[in-house]
Amino acid sequence: MGTPGTGKSCILALICFYIAINRGYPVLWHRKNEVSSVTYLFHNEMYYQWDDENSACYNALYFAMKGQNCWFCLDGLKQPTMQSCGLSNMFKILATSGKYDVGNDASNSIDMCLVPIWKKDDLQKYGVHSLKVTEADIDARYYVSGGSFY
C-alpha cells in the first residue's frame, strides 16, 4: 500500500519478472489503471496478455493455475472493486493505493507493506522473508540507488 506515484506498480512488475524468469514459477498478474484492465501470464518461458475489463480471464486462469505454485498478483485495484469482481483472497501480492481493510478478507495471513519509499533494509527484509534469498543476492539484485529506491 502507499500513495499514488510511489512506485508500487514498478516494484510489482520487477517482482513478477524476477519470479517468472529467475525462479521459473508461473505468474498471473492483473493490472488495472484509469484506461484499461489487462491480465498477464508468464509461464514456461512464454508471455501472454489479455484485455480483461471484467476480470473474467484472471478469474478463469486463477482457478486453472491454483495448484501449480503460481504467484497471483493484483495491481491497481481498490478493495470495493476487488469484491465486486470476485477477486478478494485471489492474490499472493497486492499493490493498491486505496485503503485495504484486512479484517474483511478471510485470507490465512496477510503481511502489510507500506511503500512510501524503499530503503535497503526494507528490501533485505522482503527478500529474506518472502523470496527466501540471501543477503548477497539482495545486494547483487535489488539494491539500486536513485529513482524510487533509497
Protein backbone atom coordinates (compact mmCIF):
# COMPACT_ATOMS: atom_id res chain seq x y z
CA MET A 1 0.00 0.00 0.00
CA GLY A 2 1.08 3.57 -0.48
CA THR A 3 0.20 6.85 -2.06
CA PRO A 4 -0.14 7.04 -5.86
CA GLY A 5 3.10 7.53 -7.75
CA THR A 6 5.44 5.93 -5.21
CA GLY A 7 6.44 3.06 -7.47
CA LYS A 8 4.27 0.19 -6.20
CA SER A 9 3.38 -0.95 -9.72
CA CYS A 10 7.00 -0.73 -10.83
CA ILE A 11 8.13 -2.79 -7.86
CA LEU A 12 5.37 -5.34 -8.51
CA ALA A 13 6.41 -5.60 -12.17
CA LEU A 14 10.02 -6.24 -11.15
CA ILE A 15 8.90 -8.88 -8.66
CA CYS A 16 6.72 -10.58 -11.32
CA PHE A 17 9.57 -10.65 -13.84
CA TYR A 18 12.05 -11.90 -11.24
CA ILE A 19 9.79 -14.72 -10.06
CA ALA A 20 8.94 -15.81 -13.62
CA ILE A 21 12.42 -15.51 -15.13
CA ASN A 22 14.84 -16.27 -12.29
CA ARG A 23 12.72 -18.60 -10.18
CA GLY A 24 10.79 -20.24 -13.03
CA TYR A 25 7.39 -20.02 -11.33
CA PRO A 26 4.26 -19.12 -13.29
CA VAL A 27 2.99 -15.60 -12.57
CA LEU A 28 -0.57 -14.39 -13.15
CA TRP A 29 -0.73 -10.59 -12.93
CA HIS A 30 -3.88 -8.49 -13.28
CA ARG A 31 -3.30 -4.75 -13.70
CA LYS A 32 -5.98 -2.07 -13.68
CA ASN A 33 -5.46 1.62 -14.36
CA GLU A 34 -7.68 4.53 -15.36
CA VAL A 35 -7.76 3.43 -19.01
CA SER A 36 -7.82 -0.37 -19.07
CA SER A 37 -7.51 -3.70 -17.30
CA VAL A 38 -5.02 -6.27 -18.52
CA THR A 39 -4.15 -9.78 -17.36
CA TYR A 40 -0.66 -11.14 -17.98
CA LEU A 41 0.56 -14.72 -17.65
CA PHE A 42 4.25 -15.61 -17.54
CA HIS A 43 4.53 -19.40 -17.84
CA ASN A 44 7.08 -21.85 -19.26
CA GLU A 45 9.23 -19.01 -20.63
CA MET A 46 6.23 -17.62 -22.53
CA TYR A 47 4.33 -14.36 -22.11
CA TYR A 48 0.58 -13.93 -22.66
CA GLN A 49 -1.58 -10.82 -22.41
CA TRP A 50 -5.35 -10.30 -22.47
CA ASP A 51 -7.56 -7.23 -22.24
CA ASP A 52 -9.63 -8.11 -19.20
CA GLU A 53 -12.04 -5.34 -18.28
CA ASN A 54 -14.31 -7.50 -16.10
CA SER A 55 -11.51 -9.74 -14.68
CA ALA A 56 -13.09 -12.88 -16.18
CA CYS A 57 -9.80 -14.01 -17.71
CA TYR A 58 -7.93 -13.56 -14.42
CA ASN A 59 -10.67 -15.49 -12.58
CA ALA A 60 -10.56 -18.41 -15.03
CA LEU A 61 -6.76 -18.58 -15.04
CA TYR A 62 -6.62 -18.29 -11.25
CA PHE A 63 -8.65 -21.48 -10.82
CA ALA A 64 -6.80 -23.25 -13.63
CA MET A 65 -3.36 -22.37 -12.18
CA LYS A 66 -4.19 -22.59 -8.46
CA GLY A 67 -2.28 -25.80 -7.69
CA GLN A 68 0.82 -25.02 -9.77
CA ASN A 69 2.91 -22.84 -7.40
CA CYS A 70 1.65 -19.84 -9.34
CA TRP A 71 2.15 -16.33 -7.99
CA PHE A 72 -1.09 -14.35 -8.25
CA CYS A 73 -0.61 -10.58 -8.34
CA LEU A 74 -3.18 -7.79 -8.40
CA ASP A 75 -2.20 -4.23 -9.22
CA GLY A 76 -4.18 -1.00 -9.10
CA LEU A 77 -7.43 -2.40 -7.71
CA LYS A 78 -9.12 -1.00 -4.65
CA GLN A 79 -10.93 -3.27 -2.21
CA PRO A 80 -14.51 -2.46 -3.32
CA THR A 81 -13.56 -3.22 -6.94
CA MET A 82 -11.89 -6.45 -5.90
CA GLN A 83 -15.01 -7.51 -4.02
CA SER A 84 -17.37 -6.64 -6.89
CA CYS A 85 -15.19 -8.57 -9.37
CA GLY A 86 -14.87 -11.57 -7.05
CA LEU A 87 -11.11 -11.10 -6.60
CA SER A 88 -10.94 -10.95 -2.81
CA ASN A 89 -8.45 -13.50 -1.48
CA MET A 90 -7.29 -14.28 -5.04
CA PHE A 91 -3.78 -12.86 -4.75
CA LYS A 92 -0.39 -13.50 -3.26
CA ILE A 93 0.76 -9.92 -3.82
CA LEU A 94 -1.49 -6.86 -3.97
CA ALA A 95 -0.37 -3.36 -4.95
CA THR A 96 -3.07 -0.84 -4.08
CA SER A 97 -3.25 2.90 -3.50
CA GLY A 98 -6.51 2.61 -1.59
CA LYS A 99 -7.25 1.71 1.97
CA TYR A 100 -7.31 -2.05 2.49
CA ASP A 101 -9.25 -3.48 5.42
CA VAL A 102 -7.62 -6.82 6.23
CA GLY A 103 -10.50 -7.74 8.55
CA ASN A 104 -12.89 -8.08 5.60
CA ASP A 105 -10.90 -10.86 3.96
CA ALA A 106 -10.73 -14.45 5.12
CA SER A 107 -7.13 -14.94 3.98
CA ASN A 108 -4.94 -17.15 6.12
CA SER A 109 -2.39 -14.40 6.52
CA ILE A 110 -1.75 -11.01 5.02
CA ASP A 111 1.51 -9.16 5.53
CA MET A 112 1.12 -5.44 5.01
CA CYS A 113 3.88 -3.41 3.43
CA LEU A 114 3.52 0.36 3.13
CA VAL A 115 5.68 1.67 0.29
CA PRO A 116 6.30 5.40 0.56
CA ILE A 117 9.97 4.79 -0.33
CA TRP A 118 12.17 1.71 -0.22
CA LYS A 119 15.35 1.54 1.82
CA LYS A 120 17.97 -1.17 1.63
CA ASP A 121 16.76 -2.63 4.94
CA ASP A 122 13.20 -2.89 3.54
CA LEU A 123 14.45 -4.79 0.51
CA GLN A 124 16.55 -7.12 2.64
CA LYS A 125 13.62 -7.95 4.92
CA TYR A 126 11.30 -8.51 1.97
CA GLY A 127 13.82 -10.63 0.07
CA VAL A 128 14.70 -12.83 3.04
CA HIS A 129 11.10 -13.20 4.29
CA SER A 130 9.14 -13.51 1.05
CA LEU A 131 11.58 -14.70 -1.62
CA LYS A 132 13.94 -16.71 0.61
CA VAL A 133 17.05 -15.11 -0.92
CA THR A 134 20.37 -14.49 0.78
CA GLU A 135 21.71 -11.09 1.71
CA ALA A 136 24.33 -11.43 -1.05
CA ASP A 137 21.52 -11.94 -3.59
CA ILE A 138 19.80 -8.82 -2.33
CA ASP A 139 22.98 -6.77 -2.60
CA ALA A 140 23.56 -8.04 -6.13
CA ARG A 141 20.00 -7.84 -7.48
CA TYR A 142 17.74 -5.50 -5.54
CA TYR A 143 19.58 -2.52 -4.11
CA VAL A 144 19.53 0.35 -6.57
CA SER A 145 20.44 3.89 -5.61
CA GLY A 146 18.35 6.69 -7.05
CA GLY A 147 14.87 6.56 -8.56
CA SER A 148 12.25 5.06 -6.27
CA PHE A 149 14.84 3.15 -4.25
CA TYR A 150 16.81 4.76 -1.44
